């Protein structure tokens, strides 16, 4: 998904100064995770879940300072 997004931005031409409208102390952040990490996590969690239903959120909540602005 990230590769396709960056490809589309490059093909479209000029980009905005930023892809975020940030106010206060919130830094822009891209929540994407590598697909191999996400797939391995789903397999590991699925093997342990034997009863009932469970919900897991697959986002990168680390404040690593990486955003779409950095990719572009």
PDB file of N, CA and C in Angstrom:
ATOM      1  N   UNK A   1       0.819  -1.175   0.000  1.00  0.00           N
ATOM      2  CA  UNK A   1       0.000   0.000   0.000  1.00  0.00           C
ATOM      3  C   UNK A   1       0.876   1.257   0.000  1.00  0.00           C
ATOM      4  N   UNK A   2       1.932   1.258   0.792  1.00  0.00           N
ATOM      5  CA  UNK A   2       2.802   2.423   0.846  1.00  0.00           C
ATOM      6  C   UNK A   2       3.491   2.648  -0.497  1.00  0.00           C
ATOM      7  N   UNK A   3       3.979   1.581  -1.109  1.00  0.00           N
ATOM      8  CA  UNK A   3       4.659   1.701  -2.394  1.00  0.00           C
ATOM      9  C   UNK A   3       3.721   2.286  -3.446  1.00  0.00           C
ATOM     10  N   UNK A   4       2.500   1.807  -3.490  1.00  0.00           N
ATOM     11  CA  UNK A   4       1.517   2.321  -4.451  1.00  0.00           C
ATOM     12  C   UNK A   4       1.213   3.784  -4.184  1.00  0.00           C
ATOM     13  N   UNK A   5       1.082   4.159  -2.924  1.00  0.00           N
ATOM     14  CA  UNK A   5       0.791   5.550  -2.578  1.00  0.00           C
ATOM     15  C   UNK A   5       1.933   6.466  -3.012  1.00  0.00           C
ATOM     16  N   UNK A   6       3.163   6.089  -2.699  1.00  0.00           N
ATOM     17  CA  UNK A   6       4.316   6.917  -3.071  1.00  0.00           C
ATOM     18  C   UNK A   6       4.436   6.973  -4.592  1.00  0.00           C
ATOM     19  N   UNK A   7       4.230   5.862  -5.278  1.00  0.00           N
ATOM     20  CA  UNK A   7       4.266   5.843  -6.742  1.00  0.00           C
ATOM     21  C   UNK A   7       3.243   6.822  -7.318  1.00  0.00           C
ATOM     22  N   UNK A   8       2.022   6.800  -6.798  1.00  0.00           N
ATOM     23  CA  UNK A   8       0.972   7.693  -7.285  1.00  0.00           C
ATOM     24  C   UNK A   8       1.320   9.156  -7.036  1.00  0.00           C
ATOM     25  N   UNK A   9       1.930   9.445  -5.905  1.00  0.00           N
ATOM     26  CA  UNK A   9       2.330  10.818  -5.601  1.00  0.00           C
ATOM     27  C   UNK A   9       3.412  11.280  -6.570  1.00  0.00           C
ATOM     28  N   UNK A  10       4.380  10.412  -6.852  1.00  0.00           N
ATOM     29  CA  UNK A  10       5.452  10.758  -7.786  1.00  0.00           C
ATOM     30  C   UNK A  10       4.884  10.996  -9.187  1.00  0.00           C
ATOM     31  N   UNK A  11       3.986  10.128  -9.636  1.00  0.00           N
ATOM     32  CA  UNK A  11       3.386  10.276 -10.963  1.00  0.00           C
ATOM     33  C   UNK A  11       2.515  11.534 -11.059  1.00  0.00           C
ATOM     34  N   UNK A  12       1.878  11.931  -9.957  1.00  0.00           N
ATOM     35  CA  UNK A  12       0.983  13.095  -9.971  1.00  0.00           C
ATOM     36  C   UNK A  12       1.747  14.409 -10.071  1.00  0.00           C
ATOM     37  N   UNK A  13       2.984  14.423  -9.623  1.00  0.00           N
ATOM     38  CA  UNK A  13       3.782  15.644  -9.722  1.00  0.00           C
ATOM     39  C   UNK A  13       3.920  16.364  -8.399  1.00  0.00           C
ATOM     40  N   UNK A  14       3.739  17.686  -8.415  1.00  0.00           N
ATOM     41  CA  UNK A  14       3.972  18.494  -7.200  1.00  0.00           C
ATOM     42  C   UNK A  14       3.165  17.992  -5.995  1.00  0.00           C
ATOM     43  N   UNK A  15       3.772  18.080  -4.846  1.00  0.00           N
ATOM     44  CA  UNK A  15       3.113  17.629  -3.615  1.00  0.00           C
ATOM     45  C   UNK A  15       2.897  18.815  -2.675  1.00  0.00           C
ATOM     46  N   UNK A  16       1.976  18.678  -1.742  1.00  0.00           N
ATOM     47  CA  UNK A  16       1.784  19.753  -0.765  1.00  0.00           C
ATOM     48  C   UNK A  16       2.989  19.845   0.176  1.00  0.00           C
ATOM     49  N   UNK A  17       3.107  20.961   0.877  1.00  0.00           N
ATOM     50  CA  UNK A  17       4.197  21.099   1.855  1.00  0.00           C
ATOM     51  C   UNK A  17       4.130  19.985   2.884  1.00  0.00           C
ATOM     52  N   UNK A  18       2.921  19.633   3.278  1.00  0.00           N
ATOM     53  CA  UNK A  18       2.727  18.574   4.256  1.00  0.00           C
ATOM     54  C   UNK A  18       1.418  17.852   3.970  1.00  0.00           C
ATOM     55  N   UNK A  19       1.355  16.582   4.340  1.00  0.00           N
ATOM     56  CA  UNK A  19       0.135  15.798   4.192  1.00  0.00           C
ATOM     57  C   UNK A  19      -0.716  15.849   5.460  1.00  0.00           C
ATOM     58  N   UNK A  20      -0.292  16.632   6.430  1.00  0.00           N
ATOM     59  CA  UNK A  20      -0.956  16.685   7.734  1.00  0.00           C
ATOM     60  C   UNK A  20      -1.284  18.129   8.093  1.00  0.00           C
ATOM     61  N   UNK A  21      -2.361  18.305   8.825  1.00  0.00           N
ATOM     62  CA  UNK A  21      -2.617  19.601   9.435  1.00  0.00           C
ATOM     63  C   UNK A  21      -2.442  19.381  10.935  1.00  0.00           C
ATOM     64  N   UNK A  22      -1.299  19.774  11.425  1.00  0.00           N
ATOM     65  CA  UNK A  22      -0.916  19.484  12.804  1.00  0.00           C
ATOM     66  C   UNK A  22      -1.091  20.734  13.651  1.00  0.00           C
ATOM     67  N   UNK A  23      -1.689  20.524  14.806  1.00  0.00           N
ATOM     68  CA  UNK A  23      -1.808  21.619  15.767  1.00  0.00           C
ATOM     69  C   UNK A  23      -1.307  21.130  17.120  1.00  0.00           C
ATOM     70  N   UNK A  24      -0.711  22.015  17.875  1.00  0.00           N
ATOM     71  CA  UNK A  24      -0.213  21.643  19.196  1.00  0.00           C
ATOM     72  C   UNK A  24       1.091  20.884  19.117  1.00  0.00           C
ATOM     73  N   UNK A  25       1.275  19.940  20.039  1.00  0.00           N
ATOM     74  CA  UNK A  25       2.525  19.185  20.134  1.00  0.00           C
ATOM     75  C   UNK A  25       2.476  17.831  19.430  1.00  0.00           C
ATOM     76  N   UNK A  26       1.492  17.614  18.590  1.00  0.00           N
ATOM     77  CA  UNK A  26       1.354  16.334  17.909  1.00  0.00           C
ATOM     78  C   UNK A  26       2.219  16.340  16.652  1.00  0.00           C
ATOM     79  N   UNK A  27       3.120  15.356  16.564  1.00  0.00           N
ATOM     80  CA  UNK A  27       3.969  15.237  15.381  1.00  0.00           C
ATOM     81  C   UNK A  27       3.282  14.356  14.357  1.00  0.00           C
ATOM     82  N   UNK A  28       3.479  14.646  13.066  1.00  0.00           N
ATOM     83  CA  UNK A  28       2.929  13.754  12.040  1.00  0.00           C
ATOM     84  C   UNK A  28       3.525  12.352  12.186  1.00  0.00           C
ATOM     85  N   UNK A  29       2.701  11.338  11.886  1.00  0.00           N
ATOM     86  CA  UNK A  29       3.150   9.965  12.069  1.00  0.00           C
ATOM     87  C   UNK A  29       2.422   9.053  11.084  1.00  0.00           C
ATOM     88  N   UNK A  30       3.159   8.153  10.451  1.00  0.00           N
ATOM     89  CA  UNK A  30       2.574   7.151   9.557  1.00  0.00           C
ATOM     90  C   UNK A  30       2.408   5.860  10.352  1.00  0.00           C
ATOM     91  N   UNK A  31       1.181   5.342  10.405  1.00  0.00           N
ATOM     92  CA  UNK A  31       0.878   4.181  11.242  1.00  0.00           C
ATOM     93  C   UNK A  31       1.148   2.835  10.582  1.00  0.00           C
ATOM     94  N   UNK A  32       1.627   2.815   9.384  1.00  0.00           N
ATOM     95  CA  UNK A  32       1.823   1.561   8.668  1.00  0.00           C
ATOM     96  C   UNK A  32       2.873   0.655   9.294  1.00  0.00           C
ATOM     97  N   UNK A  33       2.686  -0.629   9.101  1.00  0.00           N
ATOM     98  CA  UNK A  33       3.639  -1.640   9.573  1.00  0.00           C
ATOM     99  C   UNK A  33       4.040  -2.533   8.399  1.00  0.00           C
ATOM    100  N   UNK A  34       5.229  -3.113   8.431  1.00  0.00           N
ATOM    101  CA  UNK A  34       5.627  -4.037   7.373  1.00  0.00           C
ATOM    102  C   UNK A  34       4.684  -5.240   7.307  1.00  0.00           C
ATOM    103  N   UNK A  35       4.365  -5.677   6.092  1.00  0.00           N
ATOM    104  CA  UNK A  35       3.400  -6.767   5.934  1.00  0.00           C
ATOM    105  C   UNK A  35       3.901  -8.080   6.526  1.00  0.00           C
ATOM    106  N   UNK A  36       5.220  -8.347   6.473  1.00  0.00           N
ATOM    107  CA  UNK A  36       5.709  -9.606   7.043  1.00  0.00           C
ATOM    108  C   UNK A  36       5.559  -9.605   8.564  1.00  0.00           C
ATOM    109  N   UNK A  37       5.763  -8.467   9.210  1.00  0.00           N
ATOM    110  CA  UNK A  37       5.569  -8.358  10.651  1.00  0.00           C
ATOM    111  C   UNK A  37       4.091  -8.539  11.000  1.00  0.00           C
ATOM    112  N   UNK A  38       3.218  -7.883  10.239  1.00  0.00           N
ATOM    113  CA  UNK A  38       1.776  -7.973  10.498  1.00  0.00           C
ATOM    114  C   UNK A  38       1.283  -9.408  10.314  1.00  0.00           C
ATOM    115  N   UNK A  39       1.707 -10.077   9.244  1.00  0.00           N
ATOM    116  CA  UNK A  39       1.283 -11.456   8.997  1.00  0.00           C
ATOM    117  C   UNK A  39       1.779 -12.390  10.099  1.00  0.00           C
ATOM    118  N   UNK A  40       3.034 -12.237  10.512  1.00  0.00           N
ATOM    119  CA  UNK A  40       3.577 -13.089  11.578  1.00  0.00           C
ATOM    120  C   UNK A  40       2.831 -12.863  12.890  1.00  0.00           C
ATOM    121  N   UNK A  41       2.462 -11.628  13.158  1.00  0.00           N
ATOM    122  CA  UNK A  41       1.712 -11.319  14.386  1.00  0.00           C
ATOM    123  C   UNK A  41       0.332 -11.966  14.360  1.00  0.00           C
ATOM    124  N   UNK A  42      -0.342 -11.896  13.225  1.00  0.00           N
ATOM    125  CA  UNK A  42      -1.674 -12.497  13.100  1.00  0.00           C
ATOM    126  C   UNK A  42      -1.595 -14.009  13.311  1.00  0.00           C
ATOM    127  N   UNK A  43      -0.599 -14.651  12.720  1.00  0.00           N
ATOM    128  CA  UNK A  43      -0.428 -16.099  12.884  1.00  0.00           C
ATOM    129  C   UNK A  43      -0.163 -16.434  14.349  1.00  0.00           C
ATOM    130  N   UNK A  44       0.760 -15.702  14.992  1.00  0.00           N
ATOM    131  CA  UNK A  44       1.116 -15.990  16.390  1.00  0.00           C
ATOM    132  C   UNK A  44      -0.084 -15.784  17.314  1.00  0.00           C
ATOM    133  N   UNK A  45      -0.826 -14.707  17.115  1.00  0.00           N
ATOM    134  CA  UNK A  45      -1.996 -14.446  17.963  1.00  0.00           C
ATOM    135  C   UNK A  45      -3.106 -15.457  17.688  1.00  0.00           C
ATOM    136  N   UNK A  46      -3.280 -15.830  16.429  1.00  0.00           N
ATOM    137  CA  UNK A  46      -4.323 -16.789  16.070  1.00  0.00           C
ATOM    138  C   UNK A  46      -4.080 -18.167  16.648  1.00  0.00           C
ATOM    139  N   UNK A  47      -2.828 -18.547  16.753  1.00  0.00           N
ATOM    140  CA  UNK A  47      -2.501 -19.858  17.326  1.00  0.00           C
ATOM    141  C   UNK A  47      -2.834 -19.930  18.812  1.00  0.00           C
ATOM    142  N   UNK A  48      -2.763 -18.781  19.497  1.00  0.00           N
ATOM    143  CA  UNK A  48      -3.044 -18.764  20.938  1.00  0.00           C
ATOM    144  C   UNK A  48      -4.522 -18.616  21.258  1.00  0.00           C
ATOM    145  N   UNK A  49      -5.284 -18.024  20.351  1.00  0.00           N
ATOM    146  CA  UNK A  49      -6.715 -17.781  20.603  1.00  0.00           C
ATOM    147  C   UNK A  49      -7.501 -19.050  20.302  1.00  0.00           C
ATOM    148  N   UNK A  50      -8.016 -19.682  21.344  1.00  0.00           N
ATOM    149  CA  UNK A  50      -8.755 -20.938  21.136  1.00  0.00           C
ATOM    150  C   UNK A  50     -10.235 -20.811  21.482  1.00  0.00           C
ATOM    151  N   UNK A  51     -10.593 -19.863  22.326  1.00  0.00           N
ATOM    152  CA  UNK A  51     -11.994 -19.694  22.718  1.00  0.00           C
ATOM    153  C   UNK A  51     -12.426 -18.243  22.552  1.00  0.00           C
ATOM    154  N   UNK A  52     -13.671 -18.048  22.161  1.00  0.00           N
ATOM    155  CA  UNK A  52     -14.227 -16.700  22.075  1.00  0.00           C
ATOM    156  C   UNK A  52     -13.690 -15.919  20.886  1.00  0.00           C
ATOM    157  N   UNK A  53     -14.019 -14.641  20.889  1.00  0.00           N
ATOM    158  CA  UNK A  53     -13.535 -13.778  19.809  1.00  0.00           C
ATOM    159  C   UNK A  53     -12.623 -12.702  20.407  1.00  0.00           C
ATOM    160  N   UNK A  54     -11.693 -12.257  19.614  1.00  0.00           N
ATOM    161  CA  UNK A  54     -10.700 -11.281  20.071  1.00  0.00           C
ATOM    162  C   UNK A  54     -10.541 -10.201  19.015  1.00  0.00           C
ATOM    163  N   UNK A  55     -10.222  -9.002  19.445  1.00  0.00           N
ATOM    164  CA  UNK A  55      -9.987  -7.889  18.537  1.00  0.00           C
ATOM    165  C   UNK A  55      -8.578  -7.362  18.761  1.00  0.00           C
ATOM    166  N   UNK A  56      -7.845  -7.191  17.679  1.00  0.00           N
ATOM    167  CA  UNK A  56      -6.497  -6.627  17.745  1.00  0.00           C
ATOM    168  C   UNK A  56      -6.408  -5.489  16.736  1.00  0.00           C
ATOM    169  N   UNK A  57      -5.753  -4.427  17.119  1.00  0.00           N
ATOM    170  CA  UNK A  57      -5.579  -3.282  16.233  1.00  0.00           C
ATOM    171  C   UNK A  57      -4.160  -3.299  15.682  1.00  0.00           C
ATOM    172  N   UNK A  58      -4.046  -3.219  14.377  1.00  0.00           N
ATOM    173  CA  UNK A  58      -2.751  -3.322  13.734  1.00  0.00           C
ATOM    174  C   UNK A  58      -2.302  -1.927  13.281  1.00  0.00           C
ATOM    175  N   UNK A  59      -1.690  -1.199  14.198  1.00  0.00           N
ATOM    176  CA  UNK A  59      -1.150   0.121  13.898  1.00  0.00           C
ATOM    177  C   UNK A  59       0.188   0.280  14.605  1.00  0.00           C
ATOM    178  N   UNK A  60       0.986   1.152  14.082  1.00  0.00           N
ATOM    179  CA  UNK A  60       2.272   1.470  14.684  1.00  0.00           C
ATOM    180  C   UNK A  60       2.095   2.688  15.580  1.00  0.00           C
ATOM    181  N   UNK A  61       2.058   2.491  16.863  1.00  0.00           N
ATOM    182  CA  UNK A  61       1.831   3.593  17.799  1.00  0.00           C
ATOM    183  C   UNK A  61       3.129   4.185  18.341  1.00  0.00           C
ATOM    184  N   UNK A  62       4.268   3.740  17.842  1.00  0.00           N
ATOM    185  CA  UNK A  62       5.549   4.277  18.309  1.00  0.00           C
ATOM    186  C   UNK A  62       5.751   5.688  17.780  1.00  0.00           C
ATOM    187  N   UNK A  63       6.252   6.553  18.609  1.00  0.00           N
ATOM    188  CA  UNK A  63       6.530   7.926  18.198  1.00  0.00           C
ATOM    189  C   UNK A  63       7.918   7.957  17.573  1.00  0.00           C
ATOM    190  N   UNK A  64       8.005   7.408  16.342  1.00  0.00           N
ATOM    191  CA  UNK A  64       9.300   7.317  15.679  1.00  0.00           C
ATOM    192  C   UNK A  64       9.598   8.511  14.778  1.00  0.00           C
ATOM    193  N   UNK A  65       8.642   9.438  14.653  1.00  0.00           N
ATOM    194  CA  UNK A  65       8.876  10.643  13.878  1.00  0.00           C
ATOM    195  C   UNK A  65       8.847  10.426  12.371  1.00  0.00           C
ATOM    196  N   UNK A  66       8.381   9.259  11.906  1.00  0.00           N
ATOM    197  CA  UNK A  66       8.314   8.988  10.470  1.00  0.00           C
ATOM    198  C   UNK A  66       6.896   9.279   9.989  1.00  0.00           C
ATOM    199  N   UNK A  67       6.800  10.039   8.920  1.00  0.00           N
ATOM    200  CA  UNK A  67       5.479  10.411   8.389  1.00  0.00           C
ATOM    201  C   UNK A  67       5.492  10.324   6.871  1.00  0.00           C
ATOM    202  N   UNK A  68       4.345  10.531   6.257  1.00  0.00           N
ATOM    203  CA  UNK A  68       4.273  10.555   4.800  1.00  0.00           C
ATOM    204  C   UNK A  68       5.171  11.666   4.243  1.00  0.00           C
ATOM    205  N   UNK A  69       5.299  12.745   4.954  1.00  0.00           N
ATOM    206  CA  UNK A  69       6.183  13.833   4.521  1.00  0.00           C
ATOM    207  C   UNK A  69       7.622  13.327   4.349  1.00  0.00           C
ATOM    208  N   UNK A  70       8.070  12.444   5.241  1.00  0.00           N
ATOM    209  CA  UNK A  70       9.419  11.883   5.142  1.00  0.00           C
ATOM    210  C   UNK A  70       9.566  10.964   3.934  1.00  0.00           C
ATOM    211  N   UNK A  71       8.552  10.158   3.669  1.00  0.00           N
ATOM    212  CA  UNK A  71       8.606   9.245   2.526  1.00  0.00           C
ATOM    213  C   UNK A  71       8.694  10.001   1.210  1.00  0.00           C
ATOM    214  N   UNK A  72       7.894  11.049   1.117  1.00  0.00           N
ATOM    215  CA  UNK A  72       7.837  11.811  -0.134  1.00  0.00           C
ATOM    216  C   UNK A  72       9.039  12.724  -0.229  1.00  0.00           C
TER     217      UNK A  72
END
